[in-house]
Every structure is written in structure tokens, then in C-alpha cells.
Amino acid sequence: MERLRIKLGYTGMLTWEIEGRSGGLCLFWSDNISVQLLSGSKGHIDVMVTSRNSTCWRFNGLYGNPDTSLRTQFWNLLKRLGDSSLMMWLCGGDLNEILFGHEKQGGAKRAQYLMSYFREALNYCGLADLGYRGPKFMWNKRMKACLVQEWLDMMLGNSGWLDLFPNSLIHHLSLRGSDHHPLLVELFRANELSNIGKIWKRGRFHFEEAWVYEVDYSNIIKDHWNRRPTSNLDGVIDKLQLCATDLGRWNLESFRRLKIQVRKAKAAFDRIDKNLSSHNWKEHQRLEKALNALRYKEERYWKQRSKDMWLKCGDRNSKFFH
């Protein structure tokens, strides 16, 4: 691993339980940050990262046990890490599990209890998916007569880390020389912009109070429920999961459009407000009414995300209520 570190140009390295050229975990870093090891095991490396401007955050490199009978031990490890994380937290790697049934194509269906334990662990830790660009399935392998594809590799962050790097983006890179796609994390602070383009997100599903005032919300639900009939529980669960995914994508695009609409409406109102007269008074009132309506929608969107209002408007399935 030392040769690889030198070849890649990194200054620091941590390894854990590496056996020859296989197994174990390895972490490299460059000279613009400092890294302090907190703990490690065969399934994780836990470090504190400090940048040159003294910003500190926590990172966990993770490897989920491929043995499903031992998977519960890994989720318990993740929960213990979450209990000790009171700061900005980023974690990820090959977790060897999916969140929902539609995140696998080919081969046998994933057992619902395995996915449920995974979702419960992320909910307990307050971790959310960070969105991505690139191919959806991170693992691909030819198994007998079919190709099996799964979304096993991911990056997750808590609310503190998302507040620090709200414009960050995960890239699913091209598959070369491995059955796993590599992950690239771009870090962008609140005052930095990234050319994001289309981002897909997954993770904990939260109902948004603001949705009920939108026509598209009802149409998405009707479309999924009427798409094809089902008479068994697995079919109902798949419908709910696909519907939740589409609602999340629609919500992301809708809020992005809302921010643009608010900015344009405010600019139009400010222009006429500076030159207010009896001739443009009615237009001034119309623009003010339109801006207030947009701001109300925006306020309702953020109100649900406010920790002070979580008990009043929050999702009752969140960790807050357990």
C-alpha cells in the first residue's frame, strides 16, 4: 500500500487488517488536511478530519459484512458510531446492502427484513443519502444465466455535514477493472456553487406538508397506484418504494424551481418598488402578492426541516420520536 500511496501522490495513509493484496481497509489523504484515527475494525475506519482553516468533521470508511447472518452486527456498529458522533459526519463505502427492492436487478429478491434493518440503522443515526450523478447500480456481476446489478456503494451524511457542504455532489464513476463503480465526492460549501445538473437522491422518505398544495403530487401517486394491479404485499411495498423515489426527485426539481421563482419575483418587485408611483401601484400590489405567495411556500418547505418545529410538522417515523 505504501507504493500505491507514493504513486498516487498522497502524504498520509491508514490501513486496517490488510492481508497481502486483499481484505482490510485503507485511507489516503493529502497534505492540505490532517487526520486523527479514532477507531477501526475489519468493517470500518473512523477518523477526525481537520482542514487548513480548522474546520473539523468526522469520516467513516465502511465495509458491510457480506455474510447476511452477521449483518446485524454491522448495523449495531454503525449505531454505536452514530451515538458518539455529535458533529459533522460523512460516511460511506461498500455496505453490501440495498435500501429498497428496486435497487437490485436480476437474481433473487432481497429479503425485506435485511432492507428494513438497514433503513432503521440509517434513521437511528440521522444519515441521509447525498445524491449522485452517473449510473445507478454500483455493483455488477454475471451470475449464471443473468446479470445481477445492485446499489451497494454509497455516501451518507448527517444534517451537520450537509449544512457545512450543502452543494456537495457524489459521482458514480466508470467501471474499470472491478465489479464495483468507484465513488468521487466533491465538497462545496454553502457559498460555493457546483455545476450540479441532474441529481438523484435516496434515503429516508419524508412526507412534505407543502406537497398537498401541488397538483403534480396527486398525479404522481395516482400514476404509480394505477400503473399495474397487485394483490400481494411485496407488490404493494415495491409500489410505495418507487412512488417515494419519484416524489423525492420531483420534490428536488420543484424546490429548485421555487428558489428561481422567488429570486425572479423579488427582483421584479424591487425594480418597481424603487420607482413606485400612482401609475404602477396596482402592478406593485400584484407583484407583492405573488412574491408573498412564493415565500409562503418556501417558508412551509423549510419549516418542516426546522428542528424547533419538528414535533409539530415532522415525519413521525424519524429518530426524533423513538
Protein backbone atom coordinates (compact mmCIF):
# COMPACT_ATOMS: atom_id res chain seq x y z
CA MET A 1 0.00 0.00 0.00
CA GLU A 2 2.96 2.31 0.58
CA ARG A 3 3.90 2.05 -3.09
CA LEU A 4 0.35 2.93 -4.08
CA ARG A 5 0.37 5.93 -1.73
CA ILE A 6 3.55 7.28 -3.33
CA LYS A 7 2.27 6.58 -6.84
CA LEU A 8 -0.97 8.47 -6.19
CA GLY A 9 0.84 11.38 -4.55
CA TYR A 10 -0.75 11.25 -1.09
CA THR A 11 1.13 12.21 2.07
CA GLY A 12 -0.80 10.24 4.71
CA MET A 13 -2.08 6.67 4.99
CA LEU A 14 -4.01 4.47 7.43
CA THR A 15 -4.53 0.73 6.94
CA TRP A 16 -6.56 -1.80 8.91
CA GLU A 17 -6.30 -5.61 8.82
CA ILE A 18 -4.89 -5.83 5.29
CA GLU A 19 -3.85 -9.36 4.34
CA GLY A 20 -1.39 -9.28 1.47
CA ARG A 21 -3.17 -7.75 -1.53
CA SER A 22 -6.70 -8.43 -0.29
CA GLY A 23 -9.01 -7.66 2.59
CA GLY A 24 -8.89 -4.81 5.07
CA LEU A 25 -9.39 -1.08 4.66
CA CYS A 26 -7.07 1.72 3.60
CA LEU A 27 -7.38 5.52 3.80
CA PHE A 28 -5.12 8.02 1.98
CA TRP A 29 -5.08 11.81 2.40
CA SER A 30 -3.21 14.82 1.02
CA ASP A 31 -1.18 17.46 2.86
CA ASN A 32 -3.96 20.09 2.95
CA ILE A 33 -5.75 18.25 5.79
CA SER A 34 -4.80 16.43 8.99
CA VAL A 35 -6.36 13.12 10.01
CA GLN A 36 -6.67 11.62 13.51
CA LEU A 37 -7.60 7.96 13.94
CA LEU A 38 -10.45 7.44 16.43
CA SER A 39 -11.18 3.73 15.98
CA GLY A 40 -11.04 0.91 13.46
CA SER A 41 -12.11 -2.64 12.74
CA LYS A 42 -12.42 -5.04 9.83
CA GLY A 43 -15.57 -3.17 8.82
CA HIS A 44 -14.70 0.48 9.47
CA ILE A 45 -12.10 3.23 9.82
CA ASP A 46 -13.23 6.16 11.99
CA VAL A 47 -11.23 9.41 11.73
CA MET A 48 -11.40 13.12 12.56
CA VAL A 49 -10.59 15.36 9.58
CA THR A 50 -9.27 18.90 10.10
CA SER A 51 -8.77 21.27 7.17
CA ARG A 52 -6.31 24.16 6.96
CA ASN A 53 -8.99 26.63 8.08
CA SER A 54 -9.51 24.49 11.24
CA THR A 55 -12.88 23.10 10.11
CA CYS A 56 -13.38 19.66 11.72
CA TRP A 57 -15.64 16.86 10.62
CA ARG A 58 -15.82 13.12 11.03
CA PHE A 59 -15.38 10.47 8.33
CA ASN A 60 -16.07 6.73 8.43
CA GLY A 61 -14.93 4.39 5.69
CA LEU A 62 -17.26 1.37 5.84
CA TYR A 63 -17.35 -2.21 4.58
CA GLY A 64 -20.54 -4.17 5.30
CA ASN A 65 -20.13 -7.83 6.17
CA PRO A 66 -21.07 -9.92 3.09
CA ASP A 67 -22.41 -12.66 5.38
CA THR A 68 -26.09 -11.76 5.91
CA SER A 69 -26.17 -13.69 9.21
CA LEU A 70 -23.60 -11.22 10.57
CA ARG A 71 -25.15 -8.08 9.03
CA THR A 72 -26.93 -7.12 12.27
CA GLN A 73 -23.53 -6.78 13.97
CA PHE A 74 -22.52 -4.24 11.33
CA TRP A 75 -25.70 -2.16 11.78
CA ASN A 76 -25.09 -2.18 15.55
CA LEU A 77 -21.55 -0.92 14.89
CA LEU A 78 -22.99 1.89 12.76
CA LYS A 79 -25.41 2.82 15.55
CA ARG A 80 -22.56 2.94 18.09
CA LEU A 81 -20.63 5.25 15.76
CA GLY A 82 -23.76 7.39 15.46
CA ASP A 83 -24.15 7.59 19.24
CA SER A 84 -20.64 9.00 19.55
CA SER A 85 -20.99 11.44 16.62
CA LEU A 86 -22.11 14.86 17.85
CA MET A 87 -20.51 16.73 14.97
CA MET A 88 -20.50 16.87 11.17
CA TRP A 89 -20.34 13.29 9.90
CA LEU A 90 -19.69 11.76 6.48
CA CYS A 91 -19.51 8.02 5.95
CA GLY A 92 -19.65 5.56 3.10
CA GLY A 93 -18.19 2.68 1.18
CA ASP A 94 -19.37 -0.79 0.20
CA LEU A 95 -22.18 -1.50 2.66
CA ASN A 96 -23.21 -4.75 0.94
CA GLU A 97 -26.90 -3.92 1.30
CA ILE A 98 -29.68 -2.05 -0.50
CA LEU A 99 -32.42 0.13 0.95
CA PHE A 100 -35.29 -0.83 -1.37
CA GLY A 101 -36.17 -3.71 -3.67
CA HIS A 102 -35.94 -1.65 -6.87
CA GLU A 103 -32.23 -1.01 -6.17
CA LYS A 104 -31.49 -4.52 -7.41
CA GLN A 105 -31.99 -6.03 -10.86
CA GLY A 106 -31.54 -9.71 -11.67
CA GLY A 107 -31.14 -12.69 -9.37
CA ALA A 108 -33.16 -13.49 -6.26
CA LYS A 109 -35.17 -10.79 -4.49
CA ARG A 110 -33.60 -9.22 -1.41
CA ALA A 111 -35.27 -10.20 1.86
CA GLN A 112 -37.42 -7.39 3.23
CA TYR A 113 -36.09 -7.76 6.78
CA LEU A 114 -32.49 -7.10 5.63
CA MET A 115 -33.51 -3.85 3.93
CA SER A 116 -35.66 -2.85 6.90
CA TYR A 117 -32.74 -3.28 9.33
CA PHE A 118 -30.58 -1.10 7.05
CA ARG A 119 -33.19 1.66 6.85
CA GLU A 120 -33.72 1.53 10.61
CA ALA A 121 -29.96 1.90 11.24
CA LEU A 122 -29.69 4.96 8.94
CA ASN A 123 -32.77 6.50 10.55
CA TYR A 124 -31.31 5.93 14.02
CA CYS A 125 -28.05 7.63 13.01
CA GLY A 126 -29.75 10.53 11.25
CA LEU A 127 -27.92 9.75 8.00
CA ALA A 128 -29.23 10.70 4.54
CA ASP A 129 -28.14 9.97 1.01
CA LEU A 130 -26.19 12.82 -0.63
CA GLY A 131 -27.44 12.42 -4.21
CA TYR A 132 -25.38 11.30 -7.19
CA ARG A 133 -24.56 11.64 -10.85
CA GLY A 134 -23.75 8.64 -13.00
CA PRO A 135 -25.00 5.06 -13.20
CA LYS A 136 -27.47 3.92 -10.54
CA PHE A 137 -26.14 0.42 -9.91
CA MET A 138 -22.74 0.36 -8.21
CA TRP A 139 -22.08 -3.38 -8.38
CA ASN A 140 -22.42 -5.58 -11.48
CA LYS A 141 -21.71 -9.29 -11.83
CA ARG A 142 -22.69 -12.05 -14.23
CA MET A 143 -24.33 -14.79 -12.16
CA LYS A 144 -25.13 -18.00 -14.07
CA ALA A 145 -27.63 -17.00 -16.75
CA CYS A 146 -28.32 -13.40 -15.72
CA LEU A 147 -26.61 -10.11 -14.91
CA VAL A 148 -27.09 -9.02 -11.29
CA GLN A 149 -26.87 -5.29 -10.54
CA GLU A 150 -27.18 -3.66 -7.12
CA TRP A 151 -26.70 -0.26 -5.47
CA LEU A 152 -24.34 -1.39 -2.70
CA ASP A 153 -21.87 1.50 -2.51
CA MET A 154 -22.99 4.87 -1.17
CA MET A 155 -22.04 8.04 0.68
CA LEU A 156 -24.15 9.30 3.60
CA GLY A 157 -24.09 12.43 5.73
CA ASN A 158 -25.84 13.80 8.80
CA SER A 159 -27.53 17.20 8.99
CA GLY A 160 -24.39 18.90 10.34
CA TRP A 161 -22.28 17.74 7.41
CA LEU A 162 -25.00 18.70 4.92
CA ASP A 163 -25.12 22.19 6.47
CA LEU A 164 -21.34 22.52 6.06
CA PHE A 165 -21.24 21.23 2.47
CA PRO A 166 -24.81 21.74 1.14
CA ASN A 167 -23.80 21.86 -2.53
CA SER A 168 -21.63 18.75 -2.50
CA LEU A 169 -22.08 16.00 -5.05
CA ILE A 170 -21.32 12.30 -5.36
CA HIS A 171 -20.13 10.97 -8.73
CA HIS A 172 -20.58 7.30 -9.64
CA LEU A 173 -17.55 6.86 -11.89
CA SER A 174 -16.95 4.44 -14.75
CA LEU A 175 -16.48 0.74 -14.07
CA ARG A 176 -12.88 -0.29 -14.81
CA GLY A 177 -11.07 -3.39 -13.60
CA SER A 178 -13.55 -4.09 -10.78
CA ASP A 179 -17.14 -5.20 -10.28
CA HIS A 180 -17.72 -2.03 -8.20
CA HIS A 181 -18.01 1.53 -9.51
CA PRO A 182 -15.71 3.98 -7.67
CA LEU A 183 -17.23 6.94 -5.81
CA LEU A 184 -15.96 10.53 -6.04
CA VAL A 185 -17.12 13.14 -3.51
CA GLU A 186 -16.93 16.82 -4.49
CA LEU A 187 -17.07 19.14 -1.48
CA PHE A 188 -18.80 22.50 -1.97
CA ARG A 189 -19.58 24.85 0.91
CA ALA A 190 -22.72 26.98 1.17
CA ASN A 191 -21.03 29.93 -0.56
CA GLU A 192 -19.62 27.76 -3.34
CA LEU A 193 -21.54 26.64 -6.40
CA SER A 194 -21.18 23.40 -8.34
CA ASN A 195 -22.42 22.66 -11.82
CA ILE A 196 -24.76 20.08 -10.37
CA GLY A 197 -27.06 19.21 -13.24
CA LYS A 198 -29.40 16.31 -12.51
CA ILE A 199 -29.03 14.70 -9.08
CA TRP A 200 -30.81 11.58 -7.88
CA LYS A 201 -31.32 11.12 -4.17
CA ARG A 202 -32.47 8.31 -2.00
CA GLY A 203 -32.55 7.62 1.71
CA ARG A 204 -35.15 8.27 4.39
CA PHE A 205 -38.51 9.24 2.92
CA HIS A 206 -40.18 12.27 4.49
CA PHE A 207 -43.63 13.50 3.55
CA GLU A 208 -43.65 17.24 2.82
CA GLU A 209 -46.59 19.29 4.07
CA ALA A 210 -46.17 21.63 1.07
CA TRP A 211 -46.87 18.79 -1.39
CA VAL A 212 -50.61 18.72 -0.72
CA TYR A 213 -50.97 22.13 -2.37
CA GLU A 214 -49.41 20.90 -5.63
CA VAL A 215 -51.39 19.21 -8.42
CA ASP A 216 -48.39 17.12 -9.53
CA TYR A 217 -48.24 15.43 -6.12
CA SER A 218 -51.64 13.76 -6.56
CA ASN A 219 -50.86 12.84 -10.18
CA ILE A 220 -47.64 11.04 -9.23
CA ILE A 221 -49.42 8.94 -6.60
CA LYS A 222 -52.33 8.09 -8.94
CA ASP A 223 -49.92 7.15 -11.73
CA HIS A 224 -47.98 4.70 -9.51
CA TRP A 225 -51.05 3.18 -7.90
CA ASN A 226 -52.86 2.63 -11.20
CA ARG A 227 -49.83 1.57 -13.24
CA ARG A 228 -50.30 -2.14 -12.67
CA PRO A 229 -52.57 -4.07 -10.30
CA THR A 230 -51.09 -6.10 -7.46
CA SER A 231 -52.58 -8.48 -4.92
CA ASN A 232 -49.60 -9.31 -2.68
CA LEU A 233 -47.64 -7.42 -0.02
CA ASP A 234 -44.33 -7.39 -1.96
CA GLY A 235 -46.09 -5.71 -4.89
CA VAL A 236 -47.56 -3.03 -2.61
CA ILE A 237 -44.15 -2.40 -0.98
CA ASP A 238 -42.48 -2.05 -4.40
CA LYS A 239 -45.16 0.44 -5.48
CA LEU A 240 -44.64 2.51 -2.34
CA GLN A 241 -40.85 2.48 -2.76
CA LEU A 242 -40.99 3.54 -6.43
CA CYS A 243 -43.55 6.22 -5.61
CA ALA A 244 -41.35 7.56 -2.79
CA THR A 245 -38.34 7.70 -5.14
CA ASP A 246 -40.27 9.63 -7.80
CA LEU A 247 -41.71 12.01 -5.19
CA GLY A 248 -38.19 12.69 -3.95
CA ARG A 249 -36.95 13.51 -7.46
CA TRP A 250 -39.99 15.68 -8.16
CA ASN A 251 -39.53 17.48 -4.82
CA LEU A 252 -35.87 18.23 -5.61
CA GLU A 253 -36.70 19.71 -9.01
CA SER A 254 -39.76 21.58 -7.67
CA PHE A 255 -37.83 23.26 -4.87
CA ARG A 256 -35.04 24.23 -7.26
CA ARG A 257 -37.67 25.87 -9.48
CA LEU A 258 -39.25 27.53 -6.43
CA LYS A 259 -35.95 29.17 -5.47
CA ILE A 260 -35.58 30.55 -9.01
CA GLN A 261 -39.17 31.81 -8.98
CA VAL A 262 -38.64 33.58 -5.64
CA ARG A 263 -35.45 35.22 -6.90
CA LYS A 264 -37.11 36.46 -10.10
CA ALA A 265 -40.25 37.65 -8.28
CA LYS A 266 -38.17 39.57 -5.72
CA ALA A 267 -36.10 41.21 -8.48
CA ALA A 268 -39.26 42.31 -10.30
CA PHE A 269 -40.81 43.63 -7.09
CA ASP A 270 -37.63 45.52 -6.11
CA ARG A 271 -37.45 47.20 -9.51
CA ILE A 272 -40.97 48.59 -9.31
CA ASP A 273 -40.69 49.35 -5.57
CA LYS A 274 -37.80 51.75 -6.24
CA ASN A 275 -39.91 53.75 -8.70
CA LEU A 276 -43.32 53.48 -7.07
CA SER A 277 -45.98 55.88 -8.36
CA SER A 278 -49.75 56.10 -8.86
CA HIS A 279 -49.26 54.69 -12.36
CA ASN A 280 -47.69 51.40 -11.25
CA TRP A 281 -49.38 51.00 -7.86
CA LYS A 282 -51.66 48.14 -8.98
CA GLU A 283 -48.73 46.28 -10.57
CA HIS A 284 -46.78 46.79 -7.34
CA GLN A 285 -49.62 45.17 -5.36
CA ARG A 286 -49.85 42.27 -7.80
CA LEU A 287 -46.10 41.58 -7.61
CA GLU A 288 -46.12 41.84 -3.82
CA LYS A 289 -48.98 39.34 -3.59
CA ALA A 290 -47.20 36.93 -5.95
CA LEU A 291 -43.91 37.23 -4.02
CA ASN A 292 -45.65 36.65 -0.68
CA ALA A 293 -47.34 33.51 -2.03
CA LEU A 294 -43.99 32.11 -3.19
CA ARG A 295 -42.31 32.99 0.09
CA TYR A 296 -45.09 31.26 1.99
CA LYS A 297 -44.47 28.07 0.01
CA GLU A 298 -40.74 28.39 0.68
CA GLU A 299 -41.33 29.03 4.39
CA ARG A 300 -43.58 25.98 4.66
CA TYR A 301 -40.88 23.88 2.97
CA TRP A 302 -38.18 24.96 5.43
CA LYS A 303 -40.44 24.94 8.47
CA GLN A 304 -40.70 21.17 8.34
CA ARG A 305 -36.91 20.97 8.32
CA SER A 306 -36.57 23.22 11.37
CA LYS A 307 -35.65 21.25 14.49
CA ASP A 308 -37.70 23.68 16.56
CA MET A 309 -40.85 22.73 14.61
CA TRP A 310 -40.14 19.02 14.15
CA LEU A 311 -42.67 17.88 16.73
CA LYS A 312 -45.41 19.95 15.10
CA CYS A 313 -44.79 19.25 11.39
CA GLY A 314 -42.23 16.44 11.26
CA ASP A 315 -42.27 12.92 9.89
CA ARG A 316 -43.44 10.71 12.79
CA ASN A 317 -41.10 7.90 11.65
CA SER A 318 -37.94 9.91 12.32
CA LYS A 319 -35.41 9.08 15.04
CA PHE A 320 -36.69 12.10 17.00
CA PHE A 321 -39.74 10.14 18.10
CA HIS A 322 -38.00 6.94 19.25
